[in-house]
Amino acid sequence: MSAVAEGALRGAASFGQVARAAVPLRSFALSLVCLLVVECSPASGAPAVSRRASLIHRKAPEFALKDLSGKKLSLRSFRGKVVLLSFWATWCAPCLVEMPVFDRWQKQYGAQGFQVVGISMDDDSAPVRRVLSKLKLNYPIAMGDAGLGESYGGVLGLPLTFLIDRKGVVRAQIQGETDVGKIEQKLRLVLAQP
């Protein structure tokens, strides 16, 4: 074997030893990352919390939009009602699960002064219209944008739901997939207040 070939083999053996020695280090690093992800994530079933300041007990940011049918839609027009403001998107599976429930609540609690308002965070209204034609919801839907999302603390994950009392104050903020039964409990409490 030539000296060059022997040197290449020795180099390959050294590289193999270094690579084998690095495996435990990579495993340790991966384990550490997994531990941090698990420890820093919300408990199973618990809603995620935005990294931004909560809007709870603050006035809900006002907005004025047009819904998908072209009618004016403003938060101010619902003053005196309890509003469930739902930020969603067509690609968000938990959003699509919640929406028929919110539709049912609109029918069930509407006479008590309750209003659901949906804000789609999709970039285009075409997929929103397709989804709505299938769901046939009984509450208004408008297209949101980054500015509206920012005014609500940044829409960093969907679904993002706000429960707003009759005076326009945010009483609950729920981010991520959650048990709709818990949202309904909060809704009943806010509806019971004058």
C-alpha atoms as a PDB file:
ATOM      1  CA  MET A   1       0.000   0.000   0.000  1.00  0.00           C
ATOM      2  CA  SER A   2       1.338   3.417  -0.850  1.00  0.00           C
ATOM      3  CA  ALA A   3       2.164   6.012   1.789  1.00  0.00           C
ATOM      4  CA  VAL A   4      -0.646   8.216   0.456  1.00  0.00           C
ATOM      5  CA  ALA A   5      -3.202   5.406   0.768  1.00  0.00           C
ATOM      6  CA  GLU A   6      -1.995   4.553   4.294  1.00  0.00           C
ATOM      7  CA  GLY A   7      -2.305   8.228   5.298  1.00  0.00           C
ATOM      8  CA  ALA A   8      -5.816   8.398   3.882  1.00  0.00           C
ATOM      9  CA  LEU A   9      -6.826   5.259   5.818  1.00  0.00           C
ATOM     10  CA  ARG A  10      -5.343   6.638   9.049  1.00  0.00           C
ATOM     11  CA  GLY A  11      -7.226   9.912   8.416  1.00  0.00           C
ATOM     12  CA  ALA A  12     -10.437   7.998   7.800  1.00  0.00           C
ATOM     13  CA  ALA A  13      -9.927   5.996  11.008  1.00  0.00           C
ATOM     14  CA  SER A  14      -9.300   9.224  12.938  1.00  0.00           C
ATOM     15  CA  PHE A  15     -12.402  10.802  11.409  1.00  0.00           C
ATOM     16  CA  GLY A  16     -14.432   7.717  12.388  1.00  0.00           C
ATOM     17  CA  GLN A  17     -13.189   7.973  15.969  1.00  0.00           C
ATOM     18  CA  VAL A  18     -14.069  11.664  16.104  1.00  0.00           C
ATOM     19  CA  ALA A  19     -17.491  11.009  14.581  1.00  0.00           C
ATOM     20  CA  ARG A  20     -18.174   8.181  17.088  1.00  0.00           C
ATOM     21  CA  ALA A  21     -17.083  10.446  19.942  1.00  0.00           C
ATOM     22  CA  ALA A  22     -19.426  13.187  18.674  1.00  0.00           C
ATOM     23  CA  VAL A  23     -22.474  10.870  18.707  1.00  0.00           C
ATOM     24  CA  PRO A  24     -22.917  11.009  22.510  1.00  0.00           C
ATOM     25  CA  LEU A  25     -22.487  14.781  22.407  1.00  0.00           C
ATOM     26  CA  ARG A  26     -25.153  15.090  19.682  1.00  0.00           C
ATOM     27  CA  SER A  27     -27.455  12.770  21.644  1.00  0.00           C
ATOM     28  CA  PHE A  28     -26.952  14.872  24.768  1.00  0.00           C
ATOM     29  CA  ALA A  29     -27.680  18.096  22.866  1.00  0.00           C
ATOM     30  CA  LEU A  30     -30.800  16.583  21.267  1.00  0.00           C
ATOM     31  CA  SER A  31     -32.003  15.338  24.663  1.00  0.00           C
ATOM     32  CA  LEU A  32     -31.455  18.782  26.154  1.00  0.00           C
ATOM     33  CA  VAL A  33     -33.428  20.450  23.361  1.00  0.00           C
ATOM     34  CA  CYS A  34     -36.288  17.953  23.764  1.00  0.00           C
ATOM     35  CA  LEU A  35     -36.334  18.526  27.528  1.00  0.00           C
ATOM     36  CA  LEU A  36     -36.502  22.288  27.052  1.00  0.00           C
ATOM     37  CA  VAL A  37     -39.308  21.970  24.521  1.00  0.00           C
ATOM     38  CA  VAL A  38     -41.323  19.719  26.839  1.00  0.00           C
ATOM     39  CA  GLU A  39     -40.676  21.821  29.945  1.00  0.00           C
ATOM     40  CA  CYS A  40     -41.392  25.132  28.212  1.00  0.00           C
ATOM     41  CA  SER A  41     -44.517  23.956  26.400  1.00  0.00           C
ATOM     42  CA  PRO A  42     -47.952  24.331  27.960  1.00  0.00           C
ATOM     43  CA  ALA A  43     -49.337  21.275  29.724  1.00  0.00           C
ATOM     44  CA  SER A  44     -51.406  18.959  27.621  1.00  0.00           C
ATOM     45  CA  GLY A  45     -54.794  20.507  27.037  1.00  0.00           C
ATOM     46  CA  ALA A  46     -53.686  23.897  28.367  1.00  0.00           C
ATOM     47  CA  PRO A  47     -53.965  26.799  25.964  1.00  0.00           C
ATOM     48  CA  ALA A  48     -50.741  28.317  24.746  1.00  0.00           C
ATOM     49  CA  VAL A  49     -49.854  31.742  26.062  1.00  0.00           C
ATOM     50  CA  SER A  50     -48.688  34.518  23.794  1.00  0.00           C
ATOM     51  CA  ARG A  51     -45.244  35.951  24.516  1.00  0.00           C
ATOM     52  CA  ARG A  52     -46.770  39.413  24.286  1.00  0.00           C
ATOM     53  CA  ALA A  53     -48.646  41.201  27.036  1.00  0.00           C
ATOM     54  CA  SER A  54     -52.120  39.877  27.676  1.00  0.00           C
ATOM     55  CA  LEU A  55     -55.140  41.995  26.804  1.00  0.00           C
ATOM     56  CA  ILE A  56     -57.189  40.569  29.688  1.00  0.00           C
ATOM     57  CA  HIS A  57     -58.900  43.347  31.704  1.00  0.00           C
ATOM     58  CA  ARG A  58     -58.061  45.893  28.990  1.00  0.00           C
ATOM     59  CA  LYS A  59     -60.278  47.511  26.402  1.00  0.00           C
ATOM     60  CA  ALA A  60     -60.386  45.419  23.252  1.00  0.00           C
ATOM     61  CA  PRO A  61     -58.757  47.251  20.321  1.00  0.00           C
ATOM     62  CA  GLU A  62     -61.385  48.771  18.040  1.00  0.00           C
ATOM     63  CA  PHE A  63     -61.566  47.829  14.383  1.00  0.00           C
ATOM     64  CA  ALA A  64     -63.753  48.655  11.425  1.00  0.00           C
ATOM     65  CA  LEU A  65     -63.789  46.228   8.502  1.00  0.00           C
ATOM     66  CA  LYS A  66     -66.140  44.932   5.857  1.00  0.00           C
ATOM     67  CA  ASP A  67     -67.363  41.397   6.219  1.00  0.00           C
ATOM     68  CA  LEU A  68     -67.265  39.008   3.284  1.00  0.00           C
ATOM     69  CA  SER A  69     -70.737  40.081   2.206  1.00  0.00           C
ATOM     70  CA  GLY A  70     -69.559  43.723   2.040  1.00  0.00           C
ATOM     71  CA  LYS A  71     -71.347  44.958   5.192  1.00  0.00           C
ATOM     72  CA  LYS A  72     -69.613  47.212   7.709  1.00  0.00           C
ATOM     73  CA  LEU A  73     -68.285  45.309  10.700  1.00  0.00           C
ATOM     74  CA  SER A  74     -66.932  47.122  13.737  1.00  0.00           C
ATOM     75  CA  LEU A  75     -66.347  46.025  17.277  1.00  0.00           C
ATOM     76  CA  ARG A  76     -67.993  49.230  18.527  1.00  0.00           C
ATOM     77  CA  SER A  77     -71.289  48.223  16.882  1.00  0.00           C
ATOM     78  CA  PHE A  78     -71.504  45.269  19.283  1.00  0.00           C
ATOM     79  CA  ARG A  79     -71.115  47.342  22.465  1.00  0.00           C
ATOM     80  CA  GLY A  80     -73.650  46.057  24.982  1.00  0.00           C
ATOM     81  CA  LYS A  81     -73.129  42.480  23.755  1.00  0.00           C
ATOM     82  CA  VAL A  82     -70.678  39.813  24.792  1.00  0.00           C
ATOM     83  CA  VAL A  83     -68.408  39.199  21.801  1.00  0.00           C
ATOM     84  CA  LEU A  84     -66.424  36.089  21.000  1.00  0.00           C
ATOM     85  CA  LEU A  85     -63.748  37.308  18.594  1.00  0.00           C
ATOM     86  CA  SER A  86     -62.157  34.391  16.785  1.00  0.00           C
ATOM     87  CA  PHE A  87     -58.980  34.727  14.703  1.00  0.00           C
ATOM     88  CA  TRP A  88     -58.740  31.713  12.403  1.00  0.00           C
ATOM     89  CA  ALA A  89     -57.548  30.453   9.010  1.00  0.00           C
ATOM     90  CA  THR A  90     -58.681  27.847   6.498  1.00  0.00           C
ATOM     91  CA  TRP A  91     -55.477  25.810   6.975  1.00  0.00           C
ATOM     92  CA  CYS A  92     -55.950  25.646  10.775  1.00  0.00           C
ATOM     93  CA  ALA A  93     -57.598  22.319  11.647  1.00  0.00           C
ATOM     94  CA  PRO A  94     -58.537  23.258  15.251  1.00  0.00           C
ATOM     95  CA  CYS A  95     -60.127  26.452  13.906  1.00  0.00           C
ATOM     96  CA  LEU A  96     -62.351  24.454  11.575  1.00  0.00           C
ATOM     97  CA  VAL A  97     -63.404  22.245  14.498  1.00  0.00           C
ATOM     98  CA  GLU A  98     -64.326  25.245  16.682  1.00  0.00           C
ATOM     99  CA  MET A  99     -66.295  27.159  14.081  1.00  0.00           C
ATOM    100  CA  PRO A 100     -69.415  24.928  14.015  1.00  0.00           C
ATOM    101  CA  VAL A 101     -69.427  25.047  17.840  1.00  0.00           C
ATOM    102  CA  PHE A 102     -69.303  28.853  17.745  1.00  0.00           C
ATOM    103  CA  ASP A 103     -72.145  28.751  15.209  1.00  0.00           C
ATOM    104  CA  ARG A 104     -74.195  26.664  17.642  1.00  0.00           C
ATOM    105  CA  TRP A 105     -73.412  29.100  20.492  1.00  0.00           C
ATOM    106  CA  GLN A 106     -74.531  32.014  18.328  1.00  0.00           C
ATOM    107  CA  LYS A 107     -77.932  30.328  17.994  1.00  0.00           C
ATOM    108  CA  GLN A 108     -78.059  29.264  21.639  1.00  0.00           C
ATOM    109  CA  TYR A 109     -76.863  32.477  23.339  1.00  0.00           C
ATOM    110  CA  GLY A 110     -77.602  35.157  20.733  1.00  0.00           C
ATOM    111  CA  ALA A 111     -80.861  36.216  22.409  1.00  0.00           C
ATOM    112  CA  GLN A 112     -78.882  36.831  25.637  1.00  0.00           C
ATOM    113  CA  GLY A 113     -76.762  39.465  23.933  1.00  0.00           C
ATOM    114  CA  PHE A 114     -73.991  37.301  22.491  1.00  0.00           C
ATOM    115  CA  GLN A 115     -72.217  37.795  19.164  1.00  0.00           C
ATOM    116  CA  VAL A 116     -69.516  35.728  17.455  1.00  0.00           C
ATOM    117  CA  VAL A 117     -67.204  37.569  15.048  1.00  0.00           C
ATOM    118  CA  GLY A 118     -64.723  35.649  12.912  1.00  0.00           C
ATOM    119  CA  ILE A 119     -61.529  37.181  11.553  1.00  0.00           C
ATOM    120  CA  SER A 120     -59.806  35.121   8.883  1.00  0.00           C
ATOM    121  CA  MET A 121     -56.042  35.546   8.765  1.00  0.00           C
ATOM    122  CA  ASP A 122     -55.807  33.938   5.319  1.00  0.00           C
ATOM    123  CA  ASP A 123     -54.018  35.964   2.648  1.00  0.00           C
ATOM    124  CA  ASP A 124     -56.824  35.550   0.123  1.00  0.00           C
ATOM    125  CA  SER A 125     -60.597  35.464   0.522  1.00  0.00           C
ATOM    126  CA  ALA A 126     -61.167  32.715  -2.092  1.00  0.00           C
ATOM    127  CA  PRO A 127     -60.359  29.755   0.216  1.00  0.00           C
ATOM    128  CA  VAL A 128     -62.283  31.465   3.019  1.00  0.00           C
ATOM    129  CA  ARG A 129     -65.373  31.714   0.833  1.00  0.00           C
ATOM    130  CA  ARG A 130     -65.051  28.012  -0.103  1.00  0.00           C
ATOM    131  CA  VAL A 131     -64.884  26.968   3.552  1.00  0.00           C
ATOM    132  CA  LEU A 132     -67.791  29.218   4.492  1.00  0.00           C
ATOM    133  CA  SER A 133     -69.943  27.830   1.677  1.00  0.00           C
ATOM    134  CA  LYS A 134     -69.548  24.402   3.293  1.00  0.00           C
ATOM    135  CA  LEU A 135     -69.932  25.478   6.936  1.00  0.00           C
ATOM    136  CA  LYS A 136     -72.830  27.929   6.416  1.00  0.00           C
ATOM    137  CA  LEU A 137     -72.059  29.920   9.565  1.00  0.00           C
ATOM    138  CA  ASN A 138     -74.555  32.338  11.104  1.00  0.00           C
ATOM    139  CA  TYR A 139     -72.036  34.960  12.226  1.00  0.00           C
ATOM    140  CA  PRO A 140     -70.017  37.576  10.346  1.00  0.00           C
ATOM    141  CA  ILE A 141     -66.554  36.831   8.964  1.00  0.00           C
ATOM    142  CA  ALA A 142     -64.071  39.482   7.868  1.00  0.00           C
ATOM    143  CA  MET A 143     -60.566  39.321   6.482  1.00  0.00           C
ATOM    144  CA  GLY A 144     -57.898  40.376   8.966  1.00  0.00           C
ATOM    145  CA  ASP A 145     -54.413  41.643   8.299  1.00  0.00           C
ATOM    146  CA  ALA A 146     -51.095  42.054  10.098  1.00  0.00           C
ATOM    147  CA  GLY A 147     -52.126  45.431  11.536  1.00  0.00           C
ATOM    148  CA  LEU A 148     -55.261  44.029  13.146  1.00  0.00           C
ATOM    149  CA  GLY A 149     -53.300  41.032  14.396  1.00  0.00           C
ATOM    150  CA  GLU A 150     -50.705  43.343  15.953  1.00  0.00           C
ATOM    151  CA  SER A 151     -53.371  45.399  17.692  1.00  0.00           C
ATOM    152  CA  TYR A 152     -54.474  42.169  19.399  1.00  0.00           C
ATOM    153  CA  GLY A 153     -50.967  41.386  20.627  1.00  0.00           C
ATOM    154  CA  GLY A 154     -49.717  39.636  17.517  1.00  0.00           C
ATOM    155  CA  VAL A 155     -51.452  36.599  16.123  1.00  0.00           C
ATOM    156  CA  LEU A 156     -48.609  34.144  16.655  1.00  0.00           C
ATOM    157  CA  GLY A 157     -50.709  31.004  16.510  1.00  0.00           C
ATOM    158  CA  LEU A 158     -54.224  29.996  15.580  1.00  0.00           C
ATOM    159  CA  PRO A 159     -56.864  29.705  16.706  1.00  0.00           C
ATOM    160  CA  LEU A 160     -56.766  32.829  18.851  1.00  0.00           C
ATOM    161  CA  THR A 161     -59.998  33.689  20.646  1.00  0.00           C
ATOM    162  CA  PHE A 162     -60.971  36.677  22.749  1.00  0.00           C
ATOM    163  CA  LEU A 163     -64.034  36.899  24.957  1.00  0.00           C
ATOM    164  CA  ILE A 164     -65.065  40.552  25.254  1.00  0.00           C
ATOM    165  CA  ASP A 165     -67.654  41.753  27.774  1.00  0.00           C
ATOM    166  CA  ARG A 166     -70.576  44.120  27.201  1.00  0.00           C
ATOM    167  CA  LYS A 167     -68.369  47.144  28.011  1.00  0.00           C
ATOM    168  CA  GLY A 168     -65.699  46.174  25.464  1.00  0.00           C
ATOM    169  CA  VAL A 169     -63.202  44.760  27.973  1.00  0.00           C
ATOM    170  CA  VAL A 170     -61.337  41.528  27.203  1.00  0.00           C
ATOM    171  CA  ARG A 171     -62.266  38.901  29.798  1.00  0.00           C
ATOM    172  CA  ALA A 172     -60.521  35.856  28.296  1.00  0.00           C
ATOM    173  CA  GLN A 173     -57.785  35.234  25.753  1.00  0.00           C
ATOM    174  CA  ILE A 174     -57.326  31.679  24.497  1.00  0.00           C
ATOM    175  CA  GLN A 175     -54.554  30.785  22.081  1.00  0.00           C
ATOM    176  CA  GLY A 176     -54.236  27.428  20.400  1.00  0.00           C
ATOM    177  CA  GLU A 177     -56.368  24.348  20.451  1.00  0.00           C
ATOM    178  CA  THR A 178     -58.341  24.076  23.658  1.00  0.00           C
ATOM    179  CA  ASP A 179     -61.378  22.436  25.173  1.00  0.00           C
ATOM    180  CA  VAL A 180     -64.395  24.384  23.885  1.00  0.00           C
ATOM    181  CA  GLY A 181     -66.217  23.392  27.073  1.00  0.00           C
ATOM    182  CA  LYS A 182     -63.814  25.626  29.012  1.00  0.00           C
ATOM    183  CA  ILE A 183     -64.494  28.505  26.644  1.00  0.00           C
ATOM    184  CA  GLU A 184     -68.229  27.974  27.105  1.00  0.00           C
ATOM    185  CA  GLN A 185     -67.851  28.078  30.912  1.00  0.00           C
ATOM    186  CA  LYS A 186     -66.118  31.455  30.622  1.00  0.00           C
ATOM    187  CA  LEU A 187     -68.758  32.598  28.146  1.00  0.00           C
ATOM    188  CA  ARG A 188     -71.588  31.766  30.575  1.00  0.00           C
ATOM    189  CA  LEU A 189     -69.844  33.681  33.360  1.00  0.00           C
ATOM    190  CA  VAL A 190     -69.420  36.780  31.190  1.00  0.00           C
ATOM    191  CA  LEU A 191     -73.011  36.540  29.895  1.00  0.00           C
ATOM    192  CA  ALA A 192     -74.258  36.478  33.516  1.00  0.00           C
ATOM    193  CA  GLN A 193     -72.627  39.861  34.207  1.00  0.00           C
ATOM    194  CA  PRO A 194     -74.562  43.065  33.484  1.00  0.00           C
END
